[in-house]
Amino acid sequence: MACNERGMALISVVLLLAVLLTLSHILVEKVWQSTHRTADAVSRDQLFWAAHTGIEEARKQLAVNYASSGGWQTFLTADVPCVYPDSPTWTTGDNGQSVEIYLRDNPDGDGDVQKDNDLKIYVLARARGKQGAEVIIESLCGFEPPAAGYAPHASRSTNGTVAGLTELPVACDDIAN
């Protein structure tokens, strides 16, 4: 008896091609997802460092403008304790990233959220990415009391601090959204 297997080779090739195409599709999808995850991680890192730069910029601005702002009264606009204002105090940028800076007085016992009496202030930096990523960093910035004869526009000393109002160590709580 003669065996009729003439169509078997064609079916085998078609099935083998289907399996290979499925495997290649899975591989391409995995590479694509990995590339996107890496790009998102880089974007989050850039936002994180942009927010840190915003905190440092805020510390410099607060040190320089302490006397001219009435002890930061012009910056402290929130009416409710422990709440940041709705709009940023100022906006800065780092490497094309926009960073919003919000300020509020720490609970210093004076009962007035628009007046600082202990030279400590909370600074919140919010950096937002183009694809919806957001990094928020809050920092309690403390400063030493101004020296006698402090001028509002004091010149910088050789160590990089503002004469009469130097920065103390800062504790940061990093929150990434």
N, C-alpha and C. Protein backbone atom coordinates (compact mmCIF):
# COMPACT_ATOMS: atom_id res chain seq x y z
N MET A 1 0.81 -1.16 0.00
CA MET A 1 0.00 0.00 0.00
C MET A 1 0.87 1.24 0.00
N ALA A 2 0.52 2.17 -0.79
CA ALA A 2 1.29 3.40 -0.92
C ALA A 2 0.82 4.41 0.12
N CYS A 3 1.78 5.14 0.70
CA CYS A 3 1.49 6.13 1.74
C CYS A 3 1.43 7.51 1.10
N ASN A 4 0.39 8.27 1.38
CA ASN A 4 0.20 9.59 0.78
C ASN A 4 0.52 10.67 1.84
N GLU A 5 1.79 11.17 1.89
CA GLU A 5 2.21 12.18 2.86
C GLU A 5 2.70 13.43 2.16
N ARG A 6 2.16 13.72 1.00
CA ARG A 6 2.65 14.86 0.22
C ARG A 6 2.34 16.19 0.88
N GLY A 7 1.27 16.37 1.61
CA GLY A 7 0.91 17.64 2.24
C GLY A 7 1.48 17.80 3.64
N MET A 8 2.09 16.78 4.19
CA MET A 8 2.61 16.82 5.55
C MET A 8 3.77 17.80 5.71
N ALA A 9 4.61 17.93 4.74
CA ALA A 9 5.75 18.85 4.82
C ALA A 9 5.26 20.30 4.88
N LEU A 10 4.26 20.65 4.10
CA LEU A 10 3.71 22.00 4.10
C LEU A 10 3.08 22.33 5.45
N ILE A 11 2.33 21.43 6.03
CA ILE A 11 1.70 21.65 7.33
C ILE A 11 2.77 21.78 8.42
N SER A 12 3.81 21.00 8.36
CA SER A 12 4.89 21.08 9.35
C SER A 12 5.60 22.43 9.28
N VAL A 13 5.86 22.92 8.08
CA VAL A 13 6.53 24.22 7.91
C VAL A 13 5.64 25.35 8.41
N VAL A 14 4.34 25.30 8.12
CA VAL A 14 3.42 26.34 8.58
C VAL A 14 3.33 26.33 10.10
N LEU A 15 3.25 25.19 10.74
CA LEU A 15 3.21 25.11 12.20
C LEU A 15 4.51 25.60 12.83
N LEU A 16 5.64 25.24 12.24
CA LEU A 16 6.93 25.70 12.74
C LEU A 16 7.05 27.22 12.63
N LEU A 17 6.60 27.80 11.51
CA LEU A 17 6.62 29.26 11.35
C LEU A 17 5.70 29.94 12.36
N ALA A 18 4.55 29.36 12.64
CA ALA A 18 3.63 29.94 13.63
C ALA A 18 4.27 29.96 15.01
N VAL A 19 4.94 28.89 15.40
CA VAL A 19 5.61 28.83 16.69
C VAL A 19 6.74 29.85 16.75
N LEU A 20 7.55 29.95 15.71
CA LEU A 20 8.66 30.91 15.67
C LEU A 20 8.15 32.36 15.71
N LEU A 21 7.08 32.66 14.99
CA LEU A 21 6.52 34.01 15.01
C LEU A 21 5.96 34.35 16.39
N THR A 22 5.34 33.40 17.05
CA THR A 22 4.82 33.63 18.40
C THR A 22 5.97 33.90 19.37
N LEU A 23 7.02 33.12 19.30
CA LEU A 23 8.19 33.33 20.17
C LEU A 23 8.86 34.67 19.90
N SER A 24 8.97 35.06 18.64
CA SER A 24 9.59 36.35 18.31
C SER A 24 8.72 37.51 18.79
N HIS A 25 7.40 37.37 18.71
CA HIS A 25 6.50 38.41 19.21
C HIS A 25 6.66 38.57 20.73
N ILE A 26 6.74 37.48 21.45
CA ILE A 26 6.93 37.53 22.90
C ILE A 26 8.26 38.19 23.24
N LEU A 27 9.31 37.85 22.52
CA LEU A 27 10.62 38.45 22.76
C LEU A 27 10.61 39.95 22.50
N VAL A 28 10.02 40.38 21.40
CA VAL A 28 9.94 41.81 21.07
C VAL A 28 9.14 42.55 22.14
N GLU A 29 8.04 41.96 22.60
CA GLU A 29 7.23 42.59 23.64
C GLU A 29 8.01 42.75 24.94
N LYS A 30 8.76 41.76 25.33
CA LYS A 30 9.58 41.84 26.56
C LYS A 30 10.65 42.93 26.44
N VAL A 31 11.30 43.02 25.31
CA VAL A 31 12.32 44.05 25.09
C VAL A 31 11.67 45.44 25.13
N TRP A 32 10.52 45.57 24.52
CA TRP A 32 9.79 46.84 24.49
C TRP A 32 9.42 47.28 25.92
N GLN A 33 8.89 46.37 26.73
CA GLN A 33 8.53 46.68 28.11
C GLN A 33 9.76 47.04 28.94
N SER A 34 10.83 46.33 28.74
CA SER A 34 12.06 46.61 29.47
C SER A 34 12.60 48.00 29.13
N THR A 35 12.54 48.35 27.87
CA THR A 35 12.99 49.68 27.43
C THR A 35 12.15 50.78 28.07
N HIS A 36 10.85 50.58 28.11
CA HIS A 36 9.97 51.57 28.73
C HIS A 36 10.21 51.68 30.23
N ARG A 37 10.41 50.55 30.91
CA ARG A 37 10.70 50.60 32.34
C ARG A 37 12.00 51.33 32.62
N THR A 38 13.00 51.09 31.80
CA THR A 38 14.28 51.78 31.98
C THR A 38 14.13 53.28 31.76
N ALA A 39 13.40 53.66 30.73
CA ALA A 39 13.17 55.08 30.45
C ALA A 39 12.40 55.73 31.59
N ASP A 40 11.40 55.04 32.14
CA ASP A 40 10.64 55.58 33.26
C ASP A 40 11.52 55.74 34.50
N ALA A 41 12.40 54.79 34.74
CA ALA A 41 13.30 54.88 35.90
C ALA A 41 14.25 56.07 35.75
N VAL A 42 14.76 56.27 34.56
CA VAL A 42 15.65 57.42 34.32
C VAL A 42 14.88 58.71 34.53
N SER A 43 13.65 58.77 34.05
CA SER A 43 12.82 59.96 34.22
C SER A 43 12.55 60.23 35.70
N ARG A 44 12.24 59.19 36.46
CA ARG A 44 12.00 59.37 37.90
C ARG A 44 13.27 59.85 38.60
N ASP A 45 14.41 59.31 38.23
CA ASP A 45 15.67 59.76 38.82
C ASP A 45 15.92 61.23 38.52
N GLN A 46 15.67 61.65 37.29
CA GLN A 46 15.85 63.05 36.92
C GLN A 46 14.91 63.94 37.72
N LEU A 47 13.67 63.51 37.90
CA LEU A 47 12.72 64.28 38.69
C LEU A 47 13.15 64.35 40.15
N PHE A 48 13.66 63.24 40.67
CA PHE A 48 14.12 63.21 42.06
C PHE A 48 15.23 64.23 42.28
N TRP A 49 16.20 64.23 41.40
CA TRP A 49 17.32 65.17 41.56
C TRP A 49 16.90 66.60 41.25
N ALA A 50 15.95 66.79 40.37
CA ALA A 50 15.43 68.14 40.12
C ALA A 50 14.74 68.67 41.38
N ALA A 51 13.97 67.82 42.08
CA ALA A 51 13.32 68.24 43.31
C ALA A 51 14.36 68.55 44.40
N HIS A 52 15.41 67.75 44.49
CA HIS A 52 16.49 68.05 45.44
C HIS A 52 17.15 69.39 45.13
N THR A 53 17.37 69.64 43.86
CA THR A 53 17.94 70.93 43.46
C THR A 53 17.01 72.07 43.84
N GLY A 54 15.70 71.84 43.70
CA GLY A 54 14.72 72.85 44.10
C GLY A 54 14.79 73.15 45.58
N ILE A 55 14.97 72.12 46.41
CA ILE A 55 15.12 72.32 47.86
C ILE A 55 16.35 73.16 48.15
N GLU A 56 17.46 72.84 47.51
CA GLU A 56 18.69 73.60 47.73
C GLU A 56 18.55 75.05 47.27
N GLU A 57 17.90 75.25 46.15
CA GLU A 57 17.66 76.62 45.66
C GLU A 57 16.77 77.38 46.64
N ALA A 58 15.76 76.71 47.19
CA ALA A 58 14.89 77.35 48.17
C ALA A 58 15.67 77.74 49.43
N ARG A 59 16.55 76.86 49.88
CA ARG A 59 17.36 77.17 51.06
C ARG A 59 18.21 78.42 50.83
N LYS A 60 18.78 78.52 49.64
CA LYS A 60 19.59 79.71 49.33
C LYS A 60 18.72 80.96 49.30
N GLN A 61 17.57 80.88 48.63
CA GLN A 61 16.67 82.04 48.55
C GLN A 61 16.18 82.46 49.92
N LEU A 62 15.83 81.50 50.76
CA LEU A 62 15.35 81.82 52.10
C LEU A 62 16.44 82.48 52.93
N ALA A 63 17.67 82.01 52.81
CA ALA A 63 18.77 82.61 53.57
C ALA A 63 19.03 84.04 53.11
N VAL A 64 19.01 84.26 51.82
CA VAL A 64 19.30 85.59 51.28
C VAL A 64 18.16 86.57 51.58
N ASN A 65 16.92 86.10 51.56
CA ASN A 65 15.77 87.00 51.68
C ASN A 65 15.14 87.03 53.06
N TYR A 66 15.82 86.56 54.08
CA TYR A 66 15.22 86.51 55.41
C TYR A 66 14.81 87.90 55.90
N ALA A 67 15.72 88.83 55.93
CA ALA A 67 15.42 90.16 56.46
C ALA A 67 14.49 90.94 55.54
N SER A 68 14.71 90.86 54.24
CA SER A 68 13.89 91.65 53.31
C SER A 68 12.46 91.13 53.20
N SER A 69 12.21 89.91 53.64
CA SER A 69 10.85 89.35 53.58
C SER A 69 10.16 89.42 54.94
N GLY A 70 10.72 90.18 55.86
CA GLY A 70 10.11 90.30 57.19
C GLY A 70 10.14 88.99 57.95
N GLY A 71 11.25 88.29 57.89
CA GLY A 71 11.34 86.99 58.56
C GLY A 71 10.48 85.95 57.86
N TRP A 72 10.46 86.02 56.55
CA TRP A 72 9.73 85.11 55.66
C TRP A 72 8.22 85.33 55.68
N GLN A 73 7.74 86.43 56.28
CA GLN A 73 6.30 86.69 56.31
C GLN A 73 5.71 86.81 54.92
N THR A 74 6.45 87.36 53.98
CA THR A 74 5.92 87.48 52.63
C THR A 74 5.84 86.13 51.93
N PHE A 75 6.57 85.15 52.40
CA PHE A 75 6.53 83.81 51.80
C PHE A 75 5.48 82.91 52.45
N LEU A 76 5.18 83.14 53.72
CA LEU A 76 4.26 82.28 54.46
C LEU A 76 2.83 82.80 54.28
N THR A 77 2.10 82.18 53.38
CA THR A 77 0.77 82.69 53.04
C THR A 77 -0.37 81.77 53.46
N ALA A 78 -0.10 80.56 53.89
CA ALA A 78 -1.17 79.63 54.26
C ALA A 78 -1.87 80.11 55.52
N ASP A 79 -3.18 79.92 55.57
CA ASP A 79 -3.96 80.33 56.74
C ASP A 79 -4.17 79.18 57.72
N VAL A 80 -3.93 77.97 57.28
CA VAL A 80 -4.19 76.79 58.11
C VAL A 80 -2.85 76.18 58.54
N PRO A 81 -2.70 75.86 59.83
CA PRO A 81 -1.44 75.24 60.27
C PRO A 81 -1.19 73.91 59.58
N CYS A 82 0.05 73.62 59.31
CA CYS A 82 0.50 72.34 58.75
C CYS A 82 -0.07 72.05 57.37
N VAL A 83 -0.47 73.07 56.64
CA VAL A 83 -0.99 72.90 55.28
C VAL A 83 -0.22 73.83 54.36
N TYR A 84 0.18 73.29 53.22
CA TYR A 84 0.86 74.12 52.23
C TYR A 84 -0.17 74.93 51.45
N PRO A 85 0.24 76.09 50.95
CA PRO A 85 -0.70 76.88 50.14
C PRO A 85 -1.05 76.16 48.84
N ASP A 86 -2.15 76.60 48.22
CA ASP A 86 -2.60 75.99 46.97
C ASP A 86 -1.66 76.27 45.81
N SER A 87 -1.10 77.45 45.79
CA SER A 87 -0.19 77.80 44.69
C SER A 87 1.25 77.87 45.20
N PRO A 88 2.20 77.54 44.34
CA PRO A 88 3.61 77.53 44.79
C PRO A 88 4.10 78.94 45.12
N THR A 89 5.05 79.00 46.03
CA THR A 89 5.68 80.27 46.38
C THR A 89 6.50 80.78 45.21
N TRP A 90 7.22 79.87 44.56
CA TRP A 90 7.92 80.18 43.32
C TRP A 90 8.18 78.89 42.57
N THR A 91 8.56 79.05 41.33
CA THR A 91 8.87 77.90 40.47
C THR A 91 10.29 78.06 39.97
N THR A 92 11.01 76.97 40.01
CA THR A 92 12.38 76.97 39.51
C THR A 92 12.50 75.81 38.54
N GLY A 93 13.63 75.69 37.90
CA GLY A 93 13.81 74.61 36.95
C GLY A 93 15.21 74.04 37.03
N ASP A 94 15.30 72.76 36.64
CA ASP A 94 16.59 72.09 36.61
C ASP A 94 16.60 71.13 35.43
N ASN A 95 17.50 71.35 34.50
CA ASN A 95 17.64 70.49 33.32
C ASN A 95 16.32 70.31 32.58
N GLY A 96 15.58 71.39 32.42
CA GLY A 96 14.32 71.31 31.69
C GLY A 96 13.16 70.81 32.51
N GLN A 97 13.37 70.47 33.77
CA GLN A 97 12.31 70.01 34.66
C GLN A 97 11.78 71.20 35.46
N SER A 98 10.49 71.36 35.51
CA SER A 98 9.88 72.42 36.30
C SER A 98 9.70 71.93 37.73
N VAL A 99 10.12 72.75 38.70
CA VAL A 99 10.02 72.38 40.11
C VAL A 99 9.26 73.49 40.82
N GLU A 100 8.14 73.12 41.45
CA GLU A 100 7.35 74.07 42.22
C GLU A 100 7.80 74.01 43.68
N ILE A 101 7.97 75.18 44.31
CA ILE A 101 8.41 75.27 45.69
C ILE A 101 7.26 75.83 46.54
N TYR A 102 6.92 75.09 47.59
CA TYR A 102 5.89 75.51 48.54
C TYR A 102 6.53 75.67 49.91
N LEU A 103 6.08 76.67 50.67
CA LEU A 103 6.63 76.93 52.00
C LEU A 103 5.52 76.96 53.03
N ARG A 104 5.85 76.50 54.24
CA ARG A 104 4.94 76.66 55.38
C ARG A 104 5.76 76.70 56.66
N ASP A 105 5.22 77.38 57.66
CA ASP A 105 5.89 77.48 58.95
C ASP A 105 5.75 76.16 59.68
N ASN A 106 6.77 75.82 60.43
CA ASN A 106 6.67 74.62 61.26
C ASN A 106 5.86 74.96 62.50
N PRO A 107 5.27 73.97 63.18
CA PRO A 107 4.53 74.27 64.41
C PRO A 107 5.49 74.70 65.51
N ASP A 108 5.71 76.01 65.59
CA ASP A 108 6.73 76.53 66.52
C ASP A 108 6.13 77.09 67.80
N GLY A 109 4.82 76.93 68.00
CA GLY A 109 4.23 77.31 69.27
C GLY A 109 3.72 78.73 69.36
N ASP A 110 3.90 79.54 68.32
CA ASP A 110 3.45 80.93 68.41
C ASP A 110 2.00 81.10 67.95
N GLY A 111 1.40 80.06 67.37
CA GLY A 111 0.00 80.12 66.96
C GLY A 111 -0.24 80.93 65.69
N ASP A 112 0.80 81.39 65.06
CA ASP A 112 0.66 82.20 63.84
C ASP A 112 1.42 81.51 62.71
N VAL A 113 0.67 81.03 61.71
CA VAL A 113 1.31 80.29 60.62
C VAL A 113 1.97 81.21 59.60
N GLN A 114 1.77 82.50 59.74
CA GLN A 114 2.38 83.44 58.82
C GLN A 114 3.56 84.18 59.45
N LYS A 115 3.98 83.72 60.60
CA LYS A 115 5.11 84.36 61.27
C LYS A 115 6.04 83.27 61.79
N ASP A 116 7.31 83.39 61.50
CA ASP A 116 8.29 82.43 61.97
C ASP A 116 8.99 83.00 63.19
N ASN A 117 9.15 82.17 64.24
CA ASN A 117 9.87 82.67 65.40
C ASN A 117 11.03 81.76 65.82
N ASP A 118 11.29 80.70 65.05
CA ASP A 118 12.38 79.80 65.43
C ASP A 118 13.36 79.52 64.29
N LEU A 119 13.26 80.26 63.20
CA LEU A 119 14.15 80.12 62.04
C LEU A 119 14.14 78.71 61.45
N LYS A 120 12.97 78.08 61.49
CA LYS A 120 12.78 76.79 60.83
C LYS A 120 11.55 76.90 59.95
N ILE A 121 11.66 76.32 58.77
CA ILE A 121 10.57 76.41 57.82
C ILE A 121 10.53 75.14 56.98
N TYR A 122 9.32 74.67 56.69
CA TYR A 122 9.17 73.50 55.83
C TYR A 122 9.19 73.96 54.37
N VAL A 123 9.94 73.22 53.59
CA VAL A 123 10.03 73.47 52.15
C VAL A 123 9.60 72.19 51.44
N LEU A 124 8.65 72.33 50.53
CA LEU A 124 8.20 71.19 49.74
C LEU A 124 8.52 71.49 48.28
N ALA A 125 9.19 70.56 47.63
CA ALA A 125 9.52 70.69 46.21
C ALA A 125 8.75 69.62 45.44
N ARG A 126 8.04 70.04 44.40
CA ARG A 126 7.27 69.11 43.56
C ARG A 126 7.79 69.22 42.13
N ALA A 127 8.36 68.13 41.65
CA ALA A 127 8.85 68.07 40.26
C ALA A 127 7.91 67.15 39.49
N ARG A 128 7.43 67.64 38.36
CA ARG A 128 6.50 66.86 37.54
C ARG A 128 7.13 66.57 36.19
N GLY A 129 6.98 65.33 35.77
CA GLY A 129 7.51 64.91 34.48
C GLY A 129 6.49 65.08 33.37
N LYS A 130 6.95 64.85 32.17
CA LYS A 130 6.09 65.03 31.00
C LYS A 130 5.04 63.95 30.88
N GLN A 131 5.33 62.76 31.39
CA GLN A 131 4.39 61.65 31.24
C GLN A 131 3.60 61.39 32.52
N GLY A 132 3.46 62.39 33.37
CA GLY A 132 2.64 62.25 34.56
C GLY A 132 3.38 61.83 35.81
N ALA A 133 4.65 61.50 35.70
CA ALA A 133 5.42 61.14 36.89
C ALA A 133 5.60 62.37 37.76
N GLU A 134 5.65 62.15 39.07
CA GLU A 134 5.77 63.26 40.00
C GLU A 134 6.63 62.83 41.19
N VAL A 135 7.50 63.73 41.63
CA VAL A 135 8.32 63.49 42.82
C VAL A 135 8.10 64.66 43.76
N ILE A 136 7.82 64.34 45.03
CA ILE A 136 7.60 65.35 46.05
C ILE A 136 8.61 65.11 47.16
N ILE A 137 9.32 66.17 47.53
CA ILE A 137 10.28 66.09 48.64
C ILE A 137 9.94 67.21 49.61
N GLU A 138 9.84 66.85 50.90
CA GLU A 138 9.61 67.84 51.94
C GLU A 138 10.83 67.89 52.83
N SER A 139 11.24 69.09 53.20
CA SER A 139 12.44 69.26 54.01
C SER A 139 12.18 70.32 55.07
N LEU A 140 12.60 70.05 56.29
CA LEU A 140 12.57 71.05 57.34
C LEU A 140 13.93 71.75 57.33
N CYS A 141 13.93 73.01 56.92
CA CYS A 141 15.18 73.77 56.83
C CYS A 141 15.32 74.63 58.07
N GLY A 142 16.45 74.52 58.72
CA GLY A 142 16.73 75.32 59.90
C GLY A 142 17.91 76.24 59.63
N PHE A 143 17.85 77.42 60.21
CA PHE A 143 18.89 78.43 60.02
C PHE A 143 19.33 78.94 61.38
N GLU A 144 20.58 79.36 61.45
CA GLU A 144 21.08 79.96 62.68
C GLU A 144 20.63 81.41 62.74
N PRO A 145 20.48 81.95 63.96
CA PRO A 145 20.05 83.35 64.08
C PRO A 145 21.03 84.29 63.39
N PRO A 146 20.52 85.37 62.82
CA PRO A 146 21.41 86.34 62.17
C PRO A 146 22.37 86.95 63.18
N ALA A 147 23.57 87.19 62.71
CA ALA A 147 24.57 87.85 63.55
C ALA A 147 24.22 89.33 63.66
N ALA A 148 24.79 89.98 64.65
CA ALA A 148 24.56 91.41 64.83
C ALA A 148 25.00 92.15 63.58
N GLY A 149 24.21 93.10 63.16
CA GLY A 149 24.56 93.87 61.98
C GLY A 149 24.23 93.16 60.68
N TYR A 150 23.34 92.18 60.72
CA TYR A 150 22.97 91.43 59.51
C TYR A 150 22.30 92.36 58.51
N ALA A 151 22.79 92.33 57.29
CA ALA A 151 22.19 93.13 56.21
C ALA A 151 21.38 92.19 55.32
N PRO A 152 20.23 92.65 54.81
CA PRO A 152 19.39 91.78 54.00
C PRO A 152 20.09 91.21 52.76
N HIS A 153 21.01 91.94 52.22
CA HIS A 153 21.71 91.48 51.02
C HIS A 153 23.16 91.18 51.36
N ALA A 154 23.35 90.33 52.36
CA ALA A 154 24.70 90.01 52.82
C ALA A 154 25.46 89.29 51.73
N SER A 155 26.74 89.53 51.73
CA SER A 155 27.56 88.86 50.72
C SER A 155 27.89 87.45 51.18
N ARG A 156 28.23 86.62 50.23
CA ARG A 156 28.56 85.23 50.54
C ARG A 156 29.97 85.17 51.13
N SER A 157 30.11 84.28 52.10
CA SER A 157 31.43 84.08 52.68
C SER A 157 32.18 83.06 51.83
N THR A 158 33.41 82.80 52.20
CA THR A 158 34.23 81.90 51.39
C THR A 158 33.75 80.45 51.45
N ASN A 159 33.00 80.07 52.49
CA ASN A 159 32.53 78.69 52.56
C ASN A 159 31.17 78.49 51.88
N GLY A 160 30.63 79.51 51.23
CA GLY A 160 29.41 79.37 50.46
C GLY A 160 28.14 79.66 51.24
N THR A 161 28.23 80.01 52.53
CA THR A 161 27.03 80.33 53.28
C THR A 161 26.83 81.84 53.28
N VAL A 162 25.63 82.25 53.59
CA VAL A 162 25.34 83.68 53.65
C VAL A 162 25.80 84.19 55.01
N ALA A 163 26.51 85.29 55.01
CA ALA A 163 27.03 85.83 56.25
C ALA A 163 25.88 86.14 57.21
N GLY A 164 25.94 85.59 58.41
CA GLY A 164 24.95 85.88 59.42
C GLY A 164 23.76 84.92 59.43
N LEU A 165 23.55 84.15 58.40
CA LEU A 165 22.42 83.22 58.37
C LEU A 165 22.89 81.95 57.68
N THR A 166 23.43 81.04 58.43
CA THR A 166 23.96 79.82 57.85
C THR A 166 22.96 78.69 57.99
N GLU A 167 23.07 77.72 57.13
CA GLU A 167 22.12 76.62 57.10
C GLU A 167 22.54 75.52 58.06
N LEU A 168 21.56 74.95 58.74
CA LEU A 168 21.80 73.82 59.62
C LEU A 168 21.54 72.53 58.85
N PRO A 169 21.93 71.40 59.41
CA PRO A 169 21.59 70.14 58.74
C PRO A 169 20.08 70.02 58.55
N VAL A 170 19.67 69.38 57.47
CA VAL A 170 18.27 69.30 57.11
C VAL A 170 17.85 67.83 57.07
N ALA A 171 16.69 67.55 57.59
CA ALA A 171 16.12 66.20 57.48
C ALA A 171 15.12 66.19 56.33
N CYS A 172 15.23 65.24 55.45
CA CYS A 172 14.36 65.18 54.28
C CYS A 172 13.52 63.91 54.32
N ASP A 173 12.26 64.05 54.01
CA ASP A 173 11.37 62.91 53.80
C ASP A 173 11.06 62.88 52.32
N ASP A 174 11.53 61.86 51.63
CA ASP A 174 11.33 61.77 50.20
C ASP A 174 10.09 60.93 49.92
N ILE A 175 9.22 61.48 49.08
CA ILE A 175 8.00 60.78 48.69
C ILE A 175 7.95 60.79 47.18
N ALA A 176 7.95 59.66 46.57
CA ALA A 176 7.88 59.57 45.12
C ALA A 176 6.51 59.03 44.73
N ASN A 177 5.84 59.75 43.86
CA ASN A 177 4.53 59.29 43.37
C ASN A 177 4.65 58.80 41.96
